[in-house]
Every structure is written in C-alpha cells, then in structure tokens.
Amino acid sequence: MAKYEKGKDELNKGFTIVELIIVIAIMSIVGLILGTLITTGVNLYQRQNKDLNLQTRSQLLQSQITTYITNADLGLYAPENGDAAFFPSKDVSTIFAMLTVNKDYYSGQGTADINKDIEAGTIHARASVIAFNKESGTVYYFTGFNGAADGLPVTAVFESGVITSVTPDGSGIASEDITKWPVLSDYVSEFKIGYKGGDESVNVQMALEYSERTYNYDFTIALRNDTSLYGAGKNSDGASN
C-alpha cells in the first residue's frame, strides 16, 4: 500500500489575506470594546472620587460653621454689601460675624455696666468672622489678631433688637490680609449665609467645584443660645450675598 505524503504546496499553505483582515477586524472590535469599558470605569471612579472629595469638604465645613454659630451667645451680624468700618467689601463677597460678650471688658465691673450699655443701645463684644472670597473660591475664619481664639474686640450698636453696626475697638481688620486667615474650605464657588428670625436659625447655601464637578449643599443651623435680643443685622430675613 502506498504511503500518502502531503504535497509541498499543501504543507506551505497559510492564512489568506481575507482571513487576516477578518482576524484583525475582530481583534480591533474586541480591543475597542475593552478600551471603552476600561475608560468608562476609570472615568466613573474619578467622578465618584471627586464627588466624595466635595461631599467630605462640605460636611467638614458644615461641622465647623455649626460649631462657631452655636457658640455665639450675643448676636449674629451680616453687613449689607460689606461694611467699610468692619471689613472692606472689595475683599469678600460674603461676611458673617458671630458675637459673644466681651467678658474681659466687663470684668470686675459687674452686670450693672452691661445693663447700662444695653439701655444705651450698645454692647462690647468679641466677633469671630466667617468671610468668603469668591475670586479665590475660599471660605476663611477670623478669630482675632496674633492667633487669639476669642475673637476681635468690637462695639455693637443695636436698635429695636437688631444690630445696626459693628465697629472694631482697635484698628480693626480692614487692613488685615485675608489670605493669611485660617482656611475653612477652598474650591467654594458659591457661599451664602443668613439669619432666619422666624425660627431662630441660620441657613447656609453653598456650592463646591472641583475639576468640572459641582456639589451643592444647603443646611440649617438651630441656634443653641438666645441671640434674639440682638438679631442678625441688616439681612435678618435672608442670606447674606
């Protein structure tokens, strides 16, 4: 019986051009699908990471602002369109002051002098200040010069239970460089804060932006101390712009 042997041409037979084109096309489609899935996954992860970053910043900012406001035992002041005597409006788009009684000023004088000042429509206080610089997208917090933690000494003038002006007892903060203040948060594109006299609370509206992602946050702070005698300045019915 004769042994079958493959011919030379049959042994050298490979893929045809059509077959190679089909294989390349299939591999290209598979590669495109895999690339799209990987890119989509990476983009989704990055978006979630950015959103989480903004949410975390917002929650930290809320916690800090809530602590500062609830510690105010005298009054809240939101100057209308800035207050040159208190702070230059050119540097900030929003400013909000939290006032506490200046115990150092009245130390040893007793409550008689405090009542006398109240009857005259004034009170010596210390002011801690939240300020928003829209240009830099930063919310700052000022507690006093030289690292003081109890606030800037001020004199508050009030009428009919509403603060009408707050004037620093010294040189004030008009010349102070806001960029040297402690930063509460950056990446802030919008920030409004205002006293709501009806339910004795403060409403905060803000938006944080980071790498084309935006997170809007709105919360209300119930006042812990009675500040109703002094109100919240000229913007008592709405947010400070």
Protein backbone atom coordinates (compact mmCIF):
# COMPACT_ATOMS: atom_id res chain seq x y z
CA MET A 1 0.00 0.00 0.00
CA ALA A 2 1.41 3.36 -0.99
CA LYS A 3 2.10 5.83 1.81
CA TYR A 4 0.30 9.14 1.46
CA GLU A 5 2.53 12.20 1.59
CA LYS A 6 1.36 15.83 1.61
CA GLY A 7 2.47 17.88 -1.27
CA LYS A 8 4.86 20.75 -0.89
CA ASP A 9 2.22 23.31 -1.78
CA GLU A 10 -0.24 21.86 0.72
CA LEU A 11 2.32 21.94 3.57
CA ASN A 12 3.16 25.60 2.93
CA LYS A 13 -0.48 26.71 2.90
CA GLY A 14 -1.20 29.65 5.44
CA PHE A 15 -3.87 32.27 6.12
CA THR A 16 -5.27 34.11 3.23
CA ILE A 17 -5.42 37.90 3.14
CA VAL A 18 -9.17 37.80 3.68
CA GLU A 19 -8.75 35.66 6.78
CA LEU A 20 -6.08 38.02 8.18
CA ILE A 21 -8.33 41.02 7.58
CA ILE A 22 -11.21 39.30 9.38
CA VAL A 23 -9.00 38.40 12.36
CA ILE A 24 -7.60 41.93 12.57
CA ALA A 25 -11.11 43.40 12.39
CA ILE A 26 -12.35 41.12 15.17
CA MET A 27 -9.35 41.94 17.36
CA SER A 28 -9.87 45.65 16.73
CA ILE A 29 -13.53 45.42 17.76
CA VAL A 30 -12.64 43.46 20.90
CA GLY A 31 -9.87 45.94 21.73
CA LEU A 32 -12.22 48.88 21.20
CA ILE A 33 -14.82 47.35 23.50
CA LEU A 34 -12.25 46.60 26.19
CA GLY A 35 -10.77 50.09 25.89
CA THR A 36 -14.19 51.67 26.19
CA LEU A 37 -15.01 49.60 29.26
CA ILE A 38 -11.71 50.46 30.90
CA THR A 39 -12.04 54.18 30.09
CA THR A 40 -15.62 54.24 31.36
CA GLY A 41 -14.58 52.52 34.57
CA VAL A 42 -11.69 54.93 35.14
CA ASN A 43 -13.87 57.97 34.45
CA LEU A 44 -16.59 56.67 36.76
CA TYR A 45 -14.04 56.09 39.51
CA GLN A 46 -12.60 59.57 39.06
CA ARG A 47 -16.06 61.17 39.15
CA GLN A 48 -17.01 59.25 42.28
CA ASN A 49 -13.70 60.18 43.90
CA LYS A 50 -14.22 63.87 43.07
CA ASP A 51 -17.81 63.79 44.32
CA LEU A 52 -16.72 62.11 47.55
CA ASN A 53 -13.99 64.73 48.00
CA LEU A 54 -16.51 67.57 47.58
CA GLN A 55 -19.02 65.91 49.91
CA THR A 56 -16.36 65.42 52.57
CA ARG A 57 -15.27 69.06 52.29
CA SER A 58 -18.89 70.20 52.52
CA GLN A 59 -19.58 68.12 55.61
CA LEU A 60 -16.41 69.35 57.34
CA LEU A 61 -17.33 72.95 56.50
CA GLN A 62 -20.84 72.38 57.85
CA SER A 63 -19.46 70.96 61.09
CA GLN A 64 -17.08 73.88 61.61
CA ILE A 65 -19.65 76.58 60.82
CA THR A 66 -22.24 74.90 63.06
CA THR A 67 -19.81 74.91 65.99
CA TYR A 68 -18.93 78.59 65.54
CA ILE A 69 -22.52 79.76 65.19
CA THR A 70 -23.97 77.72 68.06
CA ASN A 71 -21.26 79.12 70.36
CA ALA A 72 -22.41 82.70 69.75
CA ASP A 73 -24.19 83.92 72.88
CA LEU A 74 -24.85 87.53 71.94
CA GLY A 75 -25.76 88.08 68.32
CA LEU A 76 -25.14 87.47 64.64
CA TYR A 77 -24.24 90.18 62.17
CA ALA A 78 -24.32 90.13 58.37
CA PRO A 79 -23.29 93.55 56.99
CA GLU A 80 -25.23 94.63 53.94
CA ASN A 81 -22.92 94.85 50.90
CA GLY A 82 -19.90 94.90 53.16
CA ASP A 83 -19.08 97.29 55.97
CA ALA A 84 -16.03 99.51 55.42
CA ALA A 85 -15.68 100.12 59.16
CA PHE A 86 -15.75 96.43 59.88
CA PHE A 87 -14.27 94.82 56.79
CA PRO A 88 -13.53 96.05 53.24
CA SER A 89 -16.20 94.79 50.86
CA LYS A 90 -13.71 94.60 47.99
CA ASP A 91 -12.04 91.55 49.53
CA VAL A 92 -15.13 89.48 50.28
CA SER A 93 -18.50 88.74 48.74
CA THR A 94 -19.96 87.33 51.97
CA ILE A 95 -19.18 88.16 55.58
CA PHE A 96 -20.90 86.88 58.70
CA ALA A 97 -19.93 87.73 62.29
CA MET A 98 -20.73 85.80 65.45
CA LEU A 99 -20.70 87.89 68.61
CA THR A 100 -20.07 86.91 72.21
CA VAL A 101 -19.99 89.20 75.25
CA ASN A 102 -16.53 90.68 75.86
CA LYS A 103 -16.04 89.34 79.37
CA ASP A 104 -12.60 90.94 79.62
CA TYR A 105 -14.11 94.40 79.06
CA TYR A 106 -16.75 93.92 81.73
CA SER A 107 -14.52 92.00 84.10
CA GLY A 108 -14.76 93.46 87.62
CA GLN A 109 -17.44 95.96 86.54
CA GLY A 110 -20.44 93.74 87.26
CA THR A 111 -23.64 93.39 85.31
CA ALA A 112 -24.67 97.00 86.01
CA ASP A 113 -22.41 98.30 83.26
CA ILE A 114 -23.67 95.68 80.82
CA ASN A 115 -27.27 96.69 81.53
CA LYS A 116 -26.31 100.35 81.18
CA ASP A 117 -24.77 99.68 77.77
CA ILE A 118 -27.82 97.70 76.68
CA GLU A 119 -30.09 100.58 77.66
CA ALA A 120 -27.92 102.87 75.56
CA GLY A 121 -28.18 100.51 72.61
CA THR A 122 -24.56 99.33 72.62
CA ILE A 123 -22.63 96.33 73.86
CA HIS A 124 -18.93 95.48 73.97
CA ALA A 125 -18.37 92.13 72.34
CA ARG A 126 -15.91 89.88 70.60
CA ALA A 127 -16.51 88.97 66.99
CA SER A 128 -15.47 85.85 65.14
CA VAL A 129 -15.84 86.25 61.40
CA ILE A 130 -16.62 83.93 58.51
CA ALA A 131 -15.69 85.51 55.18
CA PHE A 132 -15.98 84.22 51.61
CA ASN A 133 -13.64 85.38 48.87
CA LYS A 134 -15.36 84.44 45.62
CA GLU A 135 -12.36 85.29 43.48
CA SER A 136 -10.19 82.66 45.17
CA GLY A 137 -13.11 80.34 45.99
CA THR A 138 -12.11 80.23 49.66
CA VAL A 139 -14.02 80.47 52.94
CA TYR A 140 -11.94 81.97 55.76
CA TYR A 141 -12.39 82.24 59.52
CA PHE A 142 -11.01 85.05 61.69
CA THR A 143 -10.84 84.87 65.49
CA GLY A 144 -8.55 87.77 66.31
CA PHE A 145 -5.04 89.06 65.88
CA ASN A 146 -1.90 87.17 66.88
CA GLY A 147 -3.66 83.84 66.97
CA ALA A 148 -6.27 84.95 69.52
CA ALA A 149 -9.05 82.41 69.82
CA ASP A 150 -11.74 84.56 71.42
CA GLY A 151 -12.48 86.99 68.61
CA LEU A 152 -11.86 90.60 67.70
CA PRO A 153 -12.92 93.22 70.33
CA VAL A 154 -15.80 95.24 68.88
CA THR A 155 -18.64 97.53 69.88
CA ALA A 156 -22.05 96.52 68.56
CA VAL A 157 -24.84 99.04 68.15
CA PHE A 158 -28.40 97.77 68.03
CA GLU A 159 -31.87 99.22 67.65
CA SER A 160 -35.22 97.51 68.19
CA GLY A 161 -33.49 94.22 68.79
CA VAL A 162 -31.44 94.31 65.57
CA ILE A 163 -27.74 95.02 65.26
CA THR A 164 -27.18 98.04 63.02
CA SER A 165 -23.39 98.23 63.06
CA VAL A 166 -20.30 96.57 64.45
CA THR A 167 -17.15 98.64 64.90
CA PRO A 168 -13.74 97.26 65.96
CA ASP A 169 -12.48 98.76 69.22
CA GLY A 170 -8.98 98.99 67.81
CA SER A 171 -7.56 99.24 64.30
CA GLY A 172 -9.97 96.58 63.11
CA ILE A 173 -9.44 94.13 60.32
CA ALA A 174 -9.80 96.48 57.36
CA SER A 175 -6.08 96.31 56.65
CA GLU A 176 -5.68 92.66 57.53
CA ASP A 177 -4.66 90.36 54.67
CA ILE A 178 -7.49 87.86 54.35
CA THR A 179 -5.20 85.34 52.66
CA LYS A 180 -3.40 84.94 55.99
CA TRP A 181 -6.58 83.89 57.79
CA PRO A 182 -7.20 80.23 58.61
CA VAL A 183 -8.96 78.48 55.72
CA LEU A 184 -12.22 76.67 56.40
CA SER A 185 -12.54 75.38 52.83
CA ASP A 186 -11.40 76.03 49.30
CA TYR A 187 -12.98 75.02 45.96
CA VAL A 188 -16.09 77.02 47.00
CA SER A 189 -17.87 78.67 44.07
CA GLU A 190 -20.94 79.97 45.93
CA PHE A 191 -21.49 80.74 49.59
CA LYS A 192 -24.49 82.43 51.22
CA ILE A 193 -25.30 82.57 54.91
CA GLY A 194 -28.18 84.33 56.63
CA TYR A 195 -30.16 84.51 59.85
CA LYS A 196 -33.79 83.32 59.81
CA GLY A 197 -35.59 85.24 62.52
CA GLY A 198 -38.84 83.28 62.33
CA ASP A 199 -37.42 80.02 63.64
CA GLU A 200 -34.23 81.35 65.23
CA SER A 201 -31.87 79.57 62.89
CA VAL A 202 -29.17 80.21 60.32
CA ASN A 203 -29.35 78.93 56.75
CA VAL A 204 -26.23 78.20 54.72
CA GLN A 205 -26.21 77.63 50.97
CA MET A 206 -23.00 76.72 49.20
CA ALA A 207 -21.60 75.07 46.12
CA LEU A 208 -18.19 73.43 45.82
CA GLU A 209 -16.50 72.81 42.48
CA TYR A 210 -13.53 70.63 41.68
CA SER A 211 -12.30 69.51 38.27
CA GLU A 212 -15.60 70.15 36.46
CA ARG A 213 -17.63 68.53 39.25
CA THR A 214 -20.09 70.54 41.37
CA TYR A 215 -21.68 69.68 44.70
CA ASN A 216 -24.49 71.86 46.09
CA TYR A 217 -25.10 71.83 49.82
CA ASP A 218 -27.86 73.53 51.84
CA PHE A 219 -28.31 73.19 55.59
CA THR A 220 -29.94 74.96 58.52
CA ILE A 221 -28.42 75.50 61.97
CA ALA A 222 -30.69 75.81 65.00
CA LEU A 223 -29.32 78.39 67.45
CA ARG A 224 -28.36 76.97 70.81
CA ASN A 225 -28.04 80.28 72.67
CA ASP A 226 -30.62 83.05 72.90
CA THR A 227 -29.46 85.72 70.46
CA SER A 228 -32.94 87.09 69.78
CA LEU A 229 -32.25 90.36 71.65
CA TYR A 230 -29.59 91.36 69.14
CA GLY A 231 -30.88 89.80 65.96
CA ALA A 232 -28.71 89.23 62.94
CA GLY A 233 -28.01 92.56 61.35
CA LYS A 234 -29.49 94.04 58.20
CA ASN A 235 -30.04 90.74 56.41
CA SER A 236 -32.23 89.18 59.09
CA ASP A 237 -34.74 87.76 56.61
CA GLY A 238 -32.43 86.13 54.13
CA ALA A 239 -28.99 85.06 53.12
CA SER A 240 -26.02 87.36 53.01
CA ASN A 241 -24.71 87.71 49.48
